[in-house]
Amino acid sequence: MINHVSIGVRDVAATKRFYDAAFAPLGYKCLSESKDSLSYGKKEGAFFVSRTQSPVPADIESGLHFCLDAPTRASVDAFHAAALKAGGRDNGKPGLRTDYSDNYYAAFVVDPDGYRLEAYCGAA
């Protein structure tokens, strides 16, 4: 249903360092970049970053987050570790969330700008 998502940040270069590290274990990479924007995906951009002076204020209670498909449970673990190493904050360690479904394996982080991210694998 959703074709792409865009977020606004103040520092595109710092954001690139975080997302390059966090997205690599999931198979996503930076497909295009300029001094004011980035796009991430596998073959086509689906996650866009743009420089702005007025990013959405971080609000951990808002319920807003972006869930990314992960090919394996190991890639979920690697996403979480890479995101924390690159300056993200833990928002839910990797593991099964059986209250969602029997094979819902996910990890949650908050990026340096306050955006909440989830990596999810539904494979058994």
PDB file of N, CA and C in Angstrom:
ATOM      1  N   MET A   1       0.819  -1.186   0.000  1.00  0.00           N
ATOM      2  CA  MET A   1       0.000   0.000   0.000  1.00  0.00           C
ATOM      3  C   MET A   1       0.867   1.256   0.000  1.00  0.00           C
ATOM      4  N   ILE A   2       1.916   1.306   0.778  1.00  0.00           N
ATOM      5  CA  ILE A   2       2.744   2.513   0.838  1.00  0.00           C
ATOM      6  C   ILE A   2       3.907   2.354  -0.134  1.00  0.00           C
ATOM      7  N   ASN A   3       4.098   3.339  -0.982  1.00  0.00           N
ATOM      8  CA  ASN A   3       5.169   3.304  -1.970  1.00  0.00           C
ATOM      9  C   ASN A   3       6.501   3.741  -1.389  1.00  0.00           C
ATOM     10  N   HIS A   4       6.473   4.775  -0.546  1.00  0.00           N
ATOM     11  CA  HIS A   4       7.702   5.245   0.079  1.00  0.00           C
ATOM     12  C   HIS A   4       7.382   6.102   1.302  1.00  0.00           C
ATOM     13  N   VAL A   5       8.431   6.367   2.073  1.00  0.00           N
ATOM     14  CA  VAL A   5       8.333   7.197   3.270  1.00  0.00           C
ATOM     15  C   VAL A   5       9.442   8.230   3.191  1.00  0.00           C
ATOM     16  N   SER A   6       9.173   9.445   3.645  1.00  0.00           N
ATOM     17  CA  SER A   6      10.174  10.503   3.688  1.00  0.00           C
ATOM     18  C   SER A   6      10.253  11.061   5.101  1.00  0.00           C
ATOM     19  N   ILE A   7      11.486  11.314   5.546  1.00  0.00           N
ATOM     20  CA  ILE A   7      11.690  11.964   6.844  1.00  0.00           C
ATOM     21  C   ILE A   7      12.570  13.191   6.634  1.00  0.00           C
ATOM     22  N   GLY A   8      12.440  14.147   7.524  1.00  0.00           N
ATOM     23  CA  GLY A   8      13.264  15.345   7.481  1.00  0.00           C
ATOM     24  C   GLY A   8      14.241  15.350   8.642  1.00  0.00           C
ATOM     25  N   VAL A   9      15.475  15.753   8.365  1.00  0.00           N
ATOM     26  CA  VAL A   9      16.535  15.817   9.380  1.00  0.00           C
ATOM     27  C   VAL A   9      17.331  17.101   9.193  1.00  0.00           C
ATOM     28  N   ARG A  10      18.044  17.476  10.224  1.00  0.00           N
ATOM     29  CA  ARG A  10      18.885  18.675  10.144  1.00  0.00           C
ATOM     30  C   ARG A  10      20.252  18.380   9.517  1.00  0.00           C
ATOM     31  N   ASP A  11      20.813  17.194   9.787  1.00  0.00           N
ATOM     32  CA  ASP A  11      22.168  16.859   9.355  1.00  0.00           C
ATOM     33  C   ASP A  11      22.145  15.594   8.496  1.00  0.00           C
ATOM     34  N   VAL A  12      22.123  15.766   7.179  1.00  0.00           N
ATOM     35  CA  VAL A  12      22.021  14.634   6.255  1.00  0.00           C
ATOM     36  C   VAL A  12      23.254  13.735   6.357  1.00  0.00           C
ATOM     37  N   ALA A  13      24.445  14.308   6.498  1.00  0.00           N
ATOM     38  CA  ALA A  13      25.662  13.494   6.565  1.00  0.00           C
ATOM     39  C   ALA A  13      25.660  12.583   7.792  1.00  0.00           C
ATOM     40  N   ALA A  14      25.266  13.100   8.947  1.00  0.00           N
ATOM     41  CA  ALA A  14      25.193  12.280  10.159  1.00  0.00           C
ATOM     42  C   ALA A  14      24.117  11.208  10.030  1.00  0.00           C
ATOM     43  N   THR A  15      23.011  11.574   9.432  1.00  0.00           N
ATOM     44  CA  THR A  15      21.927  10.617   9.224  1.00  0.00           C
ATOM     45  C   THR A  15      22.377   9.505   8.294  1.00  0.00           C
ATOM     46  N   LYS A  16      23.140   9.836   7.278  1.00  0.00           N
ATOM     47  CA  LYS A  16      23.644   8.825   6.341  1.00  0.00           C
ATOM     48  C   LYS A  16      24.521   7.806   7.060  1.00  0.00           C
ATOM     49  N   ARG A  17      25.389   8.258   7.939  1.00  0.00           N
ATOM     50  CA  ARG A  17      26.252   7.320   8.681  1.00  0.00           C
ATOM     51  C   ARG A  17      25.400   6.321   9.467  1.00  0.00           C
ATOM     52  N   PHE A  18      24.343   6.791  10.107  1.00  0.00           N
ATOM     53  CA  PHE A  18      23.476   5.902  10.879  1.00  0.00           C
ATOM     54  C   PHE A  18      22.746   4.914   9.972  1.00  0.00           C
ATOM     55  N   TYR A  19      22.061   5.422   8.935  1.00  0.00           N
ATOM     56  CA  TYR A  19      21.254   4.545   8.094  1.00  0.00           C
ATOM     57  C   TYR A  19      22.090   3.600   7.239  1.00  0.00           C
ATOM     58  N   ASP A  20      23.257   4.025   6.792  1.00  0.00           N
ATOM     59  CA  ASP A  20      24.134   3.094   6.072  1.00  0.00           C
ATOM     60  C   ASP A  20      24.431   1.875   6.944  1.00  0.00           C
ATOM     61  N   ALA A  21      24.754   2.101   8.200  1.00  0.00           N
ATOM     62  CA  ALA A  21      25.081   1.013   9.120  1.00  0.00           C
ATOM     63  C   ALA A  21      23.852   0.179   9.481  1.00  0.00           C
ATOM     64  N   ALA A  22      22.758   0.835   9.836  1.00  0.00           N
ATOM     65  CA  ALA A  22      21.564   0.118  10.305  1.00  0.00           C
ATOM     66  C   ALA A  22      20.871  -0.658   9.191  1.00  0.00           C
ATOM     67  N   PHE A  23      20.848  -0.110   7.987  1.00  0.00           N
ATOM     68  CA  PHE A  23      20.123  -0.757   6.893  1.00  0.00           C
ATOM     69  C   PHE A  23      20.917  -1.867   6.204  1.00  0.00           C
ATOM     70  N   ALA A  24      22.237  -1.838   6.268  1.00  0.00           N
ATOM     71  CA  ALA A  24      23.060  -2.832   5.563  1.00  0.00           C
ATOM     72  C   ALA A  24      22.693  -4.278   5.915  1.00  0.00           C
ATOM     73  N   PRO A  25      22.485  -4.629   7.200  1.00  0.00           N
ATOM     74  CA  PRO A  25      22.139  -6.019   7.513  1.00  0.00           C
ATOM     75  C   PRO A  25      20.792  -6.464   6.931  1.00  0.00           C
ATOM     76  N   LEU A  26      19.948  -5.506   6.563  1.00  0.00           N
ATOM     77  CA  LEU A  26      18.635  -5.822   6.011  1.00  0.00           C
ATOM     78  C   LEU A  26      18.666  -5.893   4.486  1.00  0.00           C
ATOM     79  N   GLY A  27      19.812  -5.571   3.902  1.00  0.00           N
ATOM     80  CA  GLY A  27      19.935  -5.607   2.448  1.00  0.00           C
ATOM     81  C   GLY A  27      19.559  -4.310   1.765  1.00  0.00           C
ATOM     82  N   TYR A  28      19.405  -3.223   2.526  1.00  0.00           N
ATOM     83  CA  TYR A  28      19.068  -1.927   1.961  1.00  0.00           C
ATOM     84  C   TYR A  28      20.327  -1.071   1.904  1.00  0.00           C
ATOM     85  N   LYS A  29      20.421  -0.235   0.878  1.00  0.00           N
ATOM     86  CA  LYS A  29      21.586   0.624   0.748  1.00  0.00           C
ATOM     87  C   LYS A  29      21.172   1.992   0.231  1.00  0.00           C
ATOM     88  N   CYS A  30      22.087   2.935   0.353  1.00  0.00           N
ATOM     89  CA  CYS A  30      21.846   4.279  -0.165  1.00  0.00           C
ATOM     90  C   CYS A  30      21.946   4.209  -1.687  1.00  0.00           C
ATOM     91  N   LEU A  31      20.855   4.543  -2.368  1.00  0.00           N
ATOM     92  CA  LEU A  31      20.806   4.476  -3.825  1.00  0.00           C
ATOM     93  C   LEU A  31      21.096   5.813  -4.487  1.00  0.00           C
ATOM     94  N   SER A  32      20.852   6.892  -3.754  1.00  0.00           N
ATOM     95  CA  SER A  32      21.189   8.212  -4.278  1.00  0.00           C
ATOM     96  C   SER A  32      21.422   9.146  -3.103  1.00  0.00           C
ATOM     97  N   GLU A  33      22.309  10.120  -3.354  1.00  0.00           N
ATOM     98  CA  GLU A  33      22.585  11.096  -2.298  1.00  0.00           C
ATOM     99  C   GLU A  33      23.010  12.416  -2.901  1.00  0.00           C
ATOM    100  N   SER A  34      22.653  13.454  -2.193  1.00  0.00           N
ATOM    101  CA  SER A  34      23.144  14.803  -2.486  1.00  0.00           C
ATOM    102  C   SER A  34      23.403  15.452  -1.132  1.00  0.00           C
ATOM    103  N   LYS A  35      23.824  16.681  -1.125  1.00  0.00           N
ATOM    104  CA  LYS A  35      24.084  17.327   0.165  1.00  0.00           C
ATOM    105  C   LYS A  35      22.802  17.543   0.965  1.00  0.00           C
ATOM    106  N   ASP A  36      21.653  17.485   0.284  1.00  0.00           N
ATOM    107  CA  ASP A  36      20.375  17.738   0.956  1.00  0.00           C
ATOM    108  C   ASP A  36      19.426  16.554   1.009  1.00  0.00           C
ATOM    109  N   SER A  37      19.812  15.401   0.432  1.00  0.00           N
ATOM    110  CA  SER A  37      18.862  14.286   0.430  1.00  0.00           C
ATOM    111  C   SER A  37      19.558  12.940   0.229  1.00  0.00           C
ATOM    112  N   LEU A  38      18.833  11.886   0.625  1.00  0.00           N
ATOM    113  CA  LEU A  38      19.267  10.497   0.481  1.00  0.00           C
ATOM    114  C   LEU A  38      18.062   9.665   0.084  1.00  0.00           C
ATOM    115  N   SER A  39      18.305   8.550  -0.596  1.00  0.00           N
ATOM    116  CA  SER A  39      17.242   7.568  -0.777  1.00  0.00           C
ATOM    117  C   SER A  39      17.829   6.186  -0.539  1.00  0.00           C
ATOM    118  N   TYR A  40      17.044   5.338   0.144  1.00  0.00           N
ATOM    119  CA  TYR A  40      17.452   3.981   0.489  1.00  0.00           C
ATOM    120  C   TYR A  40      16.458   2.976  -0.064  1.00  0.00           C
ATOM    121  N   GLY A  41      16.961   1.814  -0.394  1.00  0.00           N
ATOM    122  CA  GLY A  41      16.124   0.721  -0.851  1.00  0.00           C
ATOM    123  C   GLY A  41      16.998  -0.419  -1.320  1.00  0.00           C
ATOM    124  N   LYS A  42      16.387  -1.352  -2.051  1.00  0.00           N
ATOM    125  CA  LYS A  42      17.145  -2.443  -2.659  1.00  0.00           C
ATOM    126  C   LYS A  42      17.443  -2.109  -4.112  1.00  0.00           C
ATOM    127  N   LYS A  43      16.405  -1.888  -4.898  1.00  0.00           N
ATOM    128  CA  LYS A  43      16.568  -1.517  -6.314  1.00  0.00           C
ATOM    129  C   LYS A  43      16.023  -0.127  -6.597  1.00  0.00           C
ATOM    130  N   GLU A  44      15.011   0.267  -5.850  1.00  0.00           N
ATOM    131  CA  GLU A  44      14.412   1.597  -5.988  1.00  0.00           C
ATOM    132  C   GLU A  44      14.289   2.221  -4.607  1.00  0.00           C
ATOM    133  N   GLY A  45      14.354   3.537  -4.569  1.00  0.00           N
ATOM    134  CA  GLY A  45      14.226   4.241  -3.302  1.00  0.00           C
ATOM    135  C   GLY A  45      12.851   4.044  -2.689  1.00  0.00           C
ATOM    136  N   ALA A  46      12.826   3.763  -1.399  1.00  0.00           N
ATOM    137  CA  ALA A  46      11.570   3.613  -0.667  1.00  0.00           C
ATOM    138  C   ALA A  46      11.609   4.379   0.654  1.00  0.00           C
ATOM    139  N   PHE A  47      12.819   4.722   1.108  1.00  0.00           N
ATOM    140  CA  PHE A  47      12.994   5.463   2.354  1.00  0.00           C
ATOM    141  C   PHE A  47      13.854   6.676   2.011  1.00  0.00           C
ATOM    142  N   PHE A  48      13.235   7.862   2.085  1.00  0.00           N
ATOM    143  CA  PHE A  48      13.899   9.094   1.670  1.00  0.00           C
ATOM    144  C   PHE A  48      14.187   9.981   2.875  1.00  0.00           C
ATOM    145  N   VAL A  49      15.306  10.661   2.814  1.00  0.00           N
ATOM    146  CA  VAL A  49      15.736  11.592   3.848  1.00  0.00           C
ATOM    147  C   VAL A  49      15.989  12.932   3.169  1.00  0.00           C
ATOM    148  N   SER A  50      15.452  13.996   3.750  1.00  0.00           N
ATOM    149  CA  SER A  50      15.676  15.336   3.217  1.00  0.00           C
ATOM    150  C   SER A  50      16.084  16.274   4.339  1.00  0.00           C
ATOM    151  N   ARG A  51      16.978  17.185   4.011  1.00  0.00           N
ATOM    152  CA  ARG A  51      17.391  18.195   4.980  1.00  0.00           C
ATOM    153  C   ARG A  51      16.263  19.209   5.141  1.00  0.00           C
ATOM    154  N   THR A  52      16.008  19.557   6.396  1.00  0.00           N
ATOM    155  CA  THR A  52      15.005  20.568   6.697  1.00  0.00           C
ATOM    156  C   THR A  52      15.410  21.292   7.980  1.00  0.00           C
ATOM    157  N   GLN A  53      14.969  22.515   8.105  1.00  0.00           N
ATOM    158  CA  GLN A  53      15.204  23.264   9.337  1.00  0.00           C
ATOM    159  C   GLN A  53      14.116  22.986  10.378  1.00  0.00           C
ATOM    160  N   SER A  54      13.057  22.273   9.967  1.00  0.00           N
ATOM    161  CA  SER A  54      11.929  22.023  10.863  1.00  0.00           C
ATOM    162  C   SER A  54      11.524  20.553  10.856  1.00  0.00           C
ATOM    163  N   PRO A  55      12.419  19.648  11.309  1.00  0.00           N
ATOM    164  CA  PRO A  55      12.012  18.239  11.344  1.00  0.00           C
ATOM    165  C   PRO A  55      10.887  18.017  12.351  1.00  0.00           C
ATOM    166  N   VAL A  56      10.149  16.949  12.157  1.00  0.00           N
ATOM    167  CA  VAL A  56       9.084  16.594  13.093  1.00  0.00           C
ATOM    168  C   VAL A  56       9.719  16.346  14.455  1.00  0.00           C
ATOM    169  N   PRO A  57       9.210  16.967  15.504  1.00  0.00           N
ATOM    170  CA  PRO A  57       9.795  16.744  16.826  1.00  0.00           C
ATOM    171  C   PRO A  57       9.671  15.270  17.242  1.00  0.00           C
ATOM    172  N   ALA A  58      10.743  14.741  17.817  1.00  0.00           N
ATOM    173  CA  ALA A  58      10.728  13.362  18.300  1.00  0.00           C
ATOM    174  C   ALA A  58       9.712  13.240  19.436  1.00  0.00           C
ATOM    175  N   ASP A  59       8.914  12.181  19.389  1.00  0.00           N
ATOM    176  CA  ASP A  59       7.916  11.931  20.425  1.00  0.00           C
ATOM    177  C   ASP A  59       7.756  10.425  20.578  1.00  0.00           C
ATOM    178  N   ILE A  60       8.421   9.849  21.550  1.00  0.00           N
ATOM    179  CA  ILE A  60       8.419   8.401  21.768  1.00  0.00           C
ATOM    180  C   ILE A  60       7.007   7.875  22.043  1.00  0.00           C
ATOM    181  N   GLU A  61       6.124   8.731  22.479  1.00  0.00           N
ATOM    182  CA  GLU A  61       4.757   8.329  22.812  1.00  0.00           C
ATOM    183  C   GLU A  61       3.785   8.448  21.639  1.00  0.00           C
ATOM    184  N   SER A  62       4.259   8.925  20.485  1.00  0.00           N
ATOM    185  CA  SER A  62       3.360   9.194  19.363  1.00  0.00           C
ATOM    186  C   SER A  62       2.782   7.933  18.727  1.00  0.00           C
ATOM    187  N   GLY A  63       3.495   6.815  18.836  1.00  0.00           N
ATOM    188  CA  GLY A  63       3.061   5.596  18.168  1.00  0.00           C
ATOM    189  C   GLY A  63       3.616   5.463  16.758  1.00  0.00           C
ATOM    190  N   LEU A  64       4.186   6.535  16.212  1.00  0.00           N
ATOM    191  CA  LEU A  64       4.735   6.500  14.865  1.00  0.00           C
ATOM    192  C   LEU A  64       6.034   5.701  14.846  1.00  0.00           C
ATOM    193  N   HIS A  65       6.131   4.744  13.932  1.00  0.00           N
ATOM    194  CA  HIS A  65       7.395   4.061  13.681  1.00  0.00           C
ATOM    195  C   HIS A  65       7.382   3.478  12.287  1.00  0.00           C
ATOM    196  N   PHE A  66       8.554   3.127  11.801  1.00  0.00           N
ATOM    197  CA  PHE A  66       8.711   2.549  10.472  1.00  0.00           C
ATOM    198  C   PHE A  66       9.200   1.122  10.636  1.00  0.00           C
ATOM    199  N   CYS A  67       8.451   0.175  10.074  1.00  0.00           N
ATOM    200  CA  CYS A  67       8.802  -1.238  10.164  1.00  0.00           C
ATOM    201  C   CYS A  67       9.419  -1.677   8.841  1.00  0.00           C
ATOM    202  N   LEU A  68      10.601  -2.278   8.929  1.00  0.00           N
ATOM    203  CA  LEU A  68      11.354  -2.694   7.754  1.00  0.00           C
ATOM    204  C   LEU A  68      11.418  -4.207   7.685  1.00  0.00           C
ATOM    205  N   ASP A  69      11.207  -4.755   6.494  1.00  0.00           N
ATOM    206  CA  ASP A  69      11.318  -6.198   6.303  1.00  0.00           C
ATOM    207  C   ASP A  69      12.763  -6.633   6.447  1.00  0.00           C
ATOM    208  N   ALA A  70      12.961  -7.722   7.152  1.00  0.00           N
ATOM    209  CA  ALA A  70      14.280  -8.327   7.313  1.00  0.00           C
ATOM    210  C   ALA A  70      14.235  -9.735   6.735  1.00  0.00           C
ATOM    211  N   PRO A  71      15.268 -10.159   6.004  1.00  0.00           N
ATOM    212  CA  PRO A  71      15.226 -11.478   5.381  1.00  0.00           C
ATOM    213  C   PRO A  71      15.354 -12.642   6.358  1.00  0.00           C
ATOM    214  N   THR A  72      16.028 -12.423   7.486  1.00  0.00           N
ATOM    215  CA  THR A  72      16.251 -13.495   8.468  1.00  0.00           C
ATOM    216  C   THR A  72      16.217 -12.925   9.876  1.00  0.00           C
ATOM    217  N   ARG A  73      16.091 -13.811  10.833  1.00  0.00           N
ATOM    218  CA  ARG A  73      16.177 -13.373  12.232  1.00  0.00           C
ATOM    219  C   ARG A  73      17.574 -12.851  12.551  1.00  0.00           C
ATOM    220  N   ALA A  74      18.593 -13.478  11.959  1.00  0.00           N
ATOM    221  CA  ALA A  74      19.964 -13.006  12.175  1.00  0.00           C
ATOM    222  C   ALA A  74      20.136 -11.573  11.663  1.00  0.00           C
ATOM    223  N   SER A  75      19.465 -11.229  10.576  1.00  0.00           N
ATOM    224  CA  SER A  75      19.565  -9.862  10.066  1.00  0.00           C
ATOM    225  C   SER A  75      18.864  -8.869  10.993  1.00  0.00           C
ATOM    226  N   VAL A  76      17.819  -9.308  11.675  1.00  0.00           N
ATOM    227  CA  VAL A  76      17.173  -8.462  12.691  1.00  0.00           C
ATOM    228  C   VAL A  76      18.167  -8.182  13.818  1.00  0.00           C
ATOM    229  N   ASP A  77      18.838  -9.235  14.279  1.00  0.00           N
ATOM    230  CA  ASP A  77      19.852  -9.073  15.329  1.00  0.00           C
ATOM    231  C   ASP A  77      20.954  -8.111  14.882  1.00  0.00           C
ATOM    232  N   ALA A  78      21.436  -8.291  13.639  1.00  0.00           N
ATOM    233  CA  ALA A  78      22.513  -7.456  13.112  1.00  0.00           C
ATOM    234  C   ALA A  78      22.067  -6.005  12.945  1.00  0.00           C
ATOM    235  N   PHE A  79      20.829  -5.797  12.510  1.00  0.00           N
ATOM    236  CA  PHE A  79      20.264  -4.446  12.403  1.00  0.00           C
ATOM    237  C   PHE A  79      20.316  -3.754  13.757  1.00  0.00           C
ATOM    238  N   HIS A  80      19.842  -4.440  14.782  1.00  0.00           N
ATOM    239  CA  HIS A  80      19.790  -3.869  16.127  1.00  0.00           C
ATOM    240  C   HIS A  80      21.193  -3.501  16.607  1.00  0.00           C
ATOM    241  N   ALA A  81      22.126  -4.416  16.464  1.00  0.00           N
ATOM    242  CA  ALA A  81      23.504  -4.168  16.915  1.00  0.00           C
ATOM    243  C   ALA A  81      24.134  -3.013  16.138  1.00  0.00           C
ATOM    244  N   ALA A  82      23.964  -2.997  14.821  1.00  0.00           N
ATOM    245  CA  ALA A  82      24.556  -1.939  13.998  1.00  0.00           C
ATOM    246  C   ALA A  82      23.941  -0.583  14.314  1.00  0.00           C
ATOM    247  N   ALA A  83      22.633  -0.557  14.531  1.00  0.00           N
ATOM    248  CA  ALA A  83      21.955   0.707  14.848  1.00  0.00           C
ATOM    249  C   ALA A  83      22.456   1.273  16.173  1.00  0.00           C
ATOM    250  N   LEU A  84      22.626   0.424  17.166  1.00  0.00           N
ATOM    251  CA  LEU A  84      23.125   0.895  18.463  1.00  0.00           C
ATOM    252  C   LEU A  84      24.567   1.386  18.334  1.00  0.00           C
ATOM    253  N   LYS A  85      25.379   0.653  17.607  1.00  0.00           N
ATOM    254  CA  LYS A  85      26.785   1.041  17.418  1.00  0.00           C
ATOM    255  C   LYS A  85      26.893   2.364  16.665  1.00  0.00           C
ATOM    256  N   ALA A  86      25.928   2.648  15.784  1.00  0.00           N
ATOM    257  CA  ALA A  86      25.957   3.863  14.964  1.00  0.00           C
ATOM    258  C   ALA A  86      25.271   5.050  15.631  1.00  0.00           C
ATOM    259  N   GLY A  87      24.920   4.926  16.910  1.00  0.00           N
ATOM    260  CA  GLY A  87      24.354   6.062  17.636  1.00  0.00           C
ATOM    261  C   GLY A  87      22.877   5.993  17.933  1.00  0.00           C
ATOM    262  N   GLY A  88      22.224   4.883  17.560  1.00  0.00           N
ATOM    263  CA  GLY A  88      20.812   4.716  17.880  1.00  0.00           C
ATOM    264  C   GLY A  88      20.615   4.280  19.329  1.00  0.00           C
ATOM    265  N   ARG A  89      19.378   4.315  19.774  1.00  0.00           N
ATOM    266  CA  ARG A  89      19.036   3.878  21.139  1.00  0.00           C
ATOM    267  C   ARG A  89      18.132   2.655  21.065  1.00  0.00           C
ATOM    268  N   ASP A  90      18.323   1.753  21.991  1.00  0.00           N
ATOM    269  CA  ASP A  90      17.484   0.559  22.073  1.00  0.00           C
ATOM    270  C   ASP A  90      16.057   0.947  22.416  1.00  0.00           C
ATOM    271  N   ASN A  91      15.107   0.314  21.728  1.00  0.00           N
ATOM    272  CA  ASN A  91      13.692   0.516  22.021  1.00  0.00           C
ATOM    273  C   ASN A  91      12.962  -0.827  22.029  1.00  0.00           C
ATOM    274  N   GLY A  92      13.745  -1.916  22.140  1.00  0.00           N
ATOM    275  CA  GLY A  92      13.194  -3.268  22.176  1.00  0.00           C
ATOM    276  C   GLY A  92      14.178  -4.245  21.564  1.00  0.00           C
ATOM    277  N   LYS A  93      14.811  -5.039  22.390  1.00  0.00           N
ATOM    278  CA  LYS A  93      15.828  -5.975  21.940  1.00  0.00           C
ATOM    279  C   LYS A  93      15.255  -7.001  20.973  1.00  0.00           C
ATOM    280  N   PRO A  94      16.102  -7.600  20.127  1.00  0.00           N
ATOM    281  CA  PRO A  94      15.632  -8.626  19.197  1.00  0.00           C
ATOM    282  C   PRO A  94      14.991  -9.793  19.930  1.00  0.00           C
ATOM    283  N   GLY A  95      13.894 -10.289  19.384  1.00  0.00           N
ATOM    284  CA  GLY A  95      13.238 -11.447  19.971  1.00  0.00           C
ATOM    285  C   GLY A  95      11.862 -11.674  19.386  1.00  0.00           C
ATOM    286  N   LEU A  96      11.292 -12.798  19.771  1.00  0.00           N
ATOM    287  CA  LEU A  96       9.931 -13.138  19.347  1.00  0.00           C
ATOM    288  C   LEU A  96       8.928 -12.259  20.081  1.00  0.00           C
ATOM    289  N   ARG A  97       7.916 -11.827  19.363  1.00  0.00           N
ATOM    290  CA  ARG A  97       6.771 -11.116  19.946  1.00  0.00           C
ATOM    291  C   ARG A  97       5.547 -11.987  19.664  1.00  0.00           C
ATOM    292  N   THR A  98       5.387 -13.041  20.456  1.00  0.00           N
ATOM    293  CA  THR A  98       4.319 -14.011  20.204  1.00  0.00           C
ATOM    294  C   THR A  98       2.934 -13.433  20.452  1.00  0.00           C
ATOM    295  N   ASP A  99       2.848 -12.282  21.114  1.00  0.00           N
ATOM    296  CA  ASP A  99       1.551 -11.633  21.263  1.00  0.00           C
ATOM    297  C   ASP A  99       1.092 -11.048  19.920  1.00  0.00           C
ATOM    298  N   TYR A 100       2.029 -10.839  18.961  1.00  0.00           N
ATOM    299  CA  TYR A 100       1.665 -10.399  17.609  1.00  0.00           C
ATOM    300  C   TYR A 100       1.333 -11.602  16.736  1.00  0.00           C
ATOM    301  N   SER A 101       2.246 -12.588  16.706  1.00  0.00           N
ATOM    302  CA  SER A 101       2.023 -13.857  16.010  1.00  0.00           C
ATOM    303  C   SER A 101       3.151 -14.817  16.407  1.00  0.00           C
ATOM    304  N   ASP A 102       2.986 -16.085  16.109  1.00  0.00           N
ATOM    305  CA  ASP A 102       3.947 -17.100  16.546  1.00  0.00           C
ATOM    306  C   ASP A 102       5.359 -16.863  16.016  1.00  0.00           C
ATOM    307  N   ASN A 103       5.499 -16.305  14.823  1.00  0.00           N
ATOM    308  CA  ASN A 103       6.819 -16.119  14.217  1.00  0.00           C
ATOM    309  C   ASN A 103       7.207 -14.650  14.057  1.00  0.00           C
ATOM    310  N   TYR A 104       6.649 -13.779  14.870  1.00  0.00           N
ATOM    311  CA  TYR A 104       6.957 -12.352  14.764  1.00  0.00           C
ATOM    312  C   TYR A 104       8.252 -12.074  15.504  1.00  0.00           C
ATOM    313  N   TYR A 105       9.351 -11.978  14.758  1.00  0.00           N
ATOM    314  CA  TYR A 105      10.673 -11.726  15.328  1.00  0.00           C
ATOM    315  C   TYR A 105      11.069 -10.306  14.944  1.00  0.00           C
ATOM    316  N   ALA A 106      11.345  -9.477  15.928  1.00  0.00           N
ATOM    317  CA  ALA A 106      11.595  -8.064  15.642  1.00  0.00           C
ATOM    318  C   ALA A 106      12.549  -7.451  16.654  1.00  0.00           C
ATOM    319  N   ALA A 107      13.071  -6.303  16.270  1.00  0.00           N
ATOM    320  CA  ALA A 107      13.882  -5.464  17.154  1.00  0.00           C
ATOM    321  C   ALA A 107      13.507  -4.016  16.874  1.00  0.00           C
ATOM    322  N   PHE A 108      13.646  -3.187  17.879  1.00  0.00           N
ATOM    323  CA  PHE A 108      13.222  -1.792  17.792  1.00  0.00           C
ATOM    324  C   PHE A 108      14.358  -0.872  18.236  1.00  0.00           C
ATOM    325  N   VAL A 109      14.557   0.212  17.478  1.00  0.00           N
ATOM    326  CA  VAL A 109      15.560   1.216  17.830  1.00  0.00           C
ATOM    327  C   VAL A 109      14.973   2.603  17.598  1.00  0.00           C
ATOM    328  N   VAL A 110      15.659   3.590  18.155  1.00  0.00           N
ATOM    329  CA  VAL A 110      15.345   4.996  17.898  1.00  0.00           C
ATOM    330  C   VAL A 110      16.598   5.600  17.268  1.00  0.00           C
ATOM    331  N   ASP A 111      16.432   6.224  16.104  1.00  0.00           N
ATOM    332  CA  ASP A 111      17.598   6.798  15.423  1.00  0.00           C
ATOM    333  C   ASP A 111      18.030   8.083  16.129  1.00  0.00           C
ATOM    334  N   PRO A 112      19.192   8.645  15.775  1.00  0.00           N
ATOM    335  CA  PRO A 112      19.685   9.849  16.472  1.00  0.00           C
ATOM    336  C   PRO A 112      18.757  11.059  16.384  1.00  0.00           C
ATOM    337  N   ASP A 113      17.837  11.088  15.408  1.00  0.00           N
ATOM    338  CA  ASP A 113      16.892  12.194  15.295  1.00  0.00           C
ATOM    339  C   ASP A 113      15.591  11.941  16.037  1.00  0.00           C
ATOM    340  N   GLY A 114      15.451  10.738  16.617  1.00  0.00           N
ATOM    341  CA  GLY A 114      14.249  10.419  17.371  1.00  0.00           C
ATOM    342  C   GLY A 114      13.225   9.600  16.619  1.00  0.00           C
ATOM    343  N   TYR A 115      13.510   9.226  15.362  1.00  0.00           N
ATOM    344  CA  TYR A 115      12.582   8.387  14.607  1.00  0.00           C
ATOM    345  C   TYR A 115      12.680   6.944  15.098  1.00  0.00           C
ATOM    346  N   ARG A 116      11.538   6.305  15.266  1.00  0.00           N
ATOM    347  CA  ARG A 116      11.484   4.926  15.751  1.00  0.00           C
ATOM    348  C   ARG A 116      11.443   3.963  14.579  1.00  0.00           C
ATOM    349  N   LEU A 117      12.302   2.926  14.640  1.00  0.00           N
ATOM    350  CA  LEU A 117      12.430   1.942  13.569  1.00  0.00           C
ATOM    351  C   LEU A 117      12.272   0.539  14.139  1.00  0.00           C
ATOM    352  N   GLU A 118      11.714  -0.319  13.322  1.00  0.00           N
ATOM    353  CA  GLU A 118      11.565  -1.730  13.666  1.00  0.00           C
ATOM    354  C   GLU A 118      12.078  -2.556  12.498  1.00  0.00           C
ATOM    355  N   ALA A 119      12.826  -3.621  12.780  1.00  0.00           N
ATOM    356  CA  ALA A 119      13.176  -4.621  11.774  1.00  0.00           C
ATOM    357  C   ALA A 119      12.385  -5.860  12.125  1.00  0.00           C
ATOM    358  N   TYR A 120      11.734  -6.453  11.122  1.00  0.00           N
ATOM    359  CA  TYR A 120      10.804  -7.570  11.343  1.00  0.00           C
ATOM    360  C   TYR A 120      11.096  -8.716  10.366  1.00  0.00           C
ATOM    361  N   CYS A 121      11.092  -9.934  10.911  1.00  0.00           N
ATOM    362  CA  CYS A 121      11.165 -11.149  10.112  1.00  0.00           C
ATOM    363  C   CYS A 121      10.051 -12.094  10.563  1.00  0.00           C
ATOM    364  N   GLY A 122       9.243 -12.561   9.626  1.00  0.00           N
ATOM    365  CA  GLY A 122       8.148 -13.447   9.961  1.00  0.00           C
ATOM    366  C   GLY A 122       8.433 -14.918   9.664  1.00  0.00           C
ATOM    367  N   ALA A 123       9.652 -15.222   9.234  1.00  0.00           N
ATOM    368  CA  ALA A 123      10.009 -16.602   8.928  1.00  0.00           C
ATOM    369  C   ALA A 123      10.197 -17.411  10.214  1.00  0.00           C
ATOM    370  N   ALA A 124       9.834 -18.668  10.145  1.00  0.00           N
ATOM    371  CA  ALA A 124       9.974 -19.546  11.326  1.00  0.00           C
ATOM    372  C   ALA A 124      11.434 -19.818  11.608  1.00  0.00           C
TER     373      ALA A 124
END
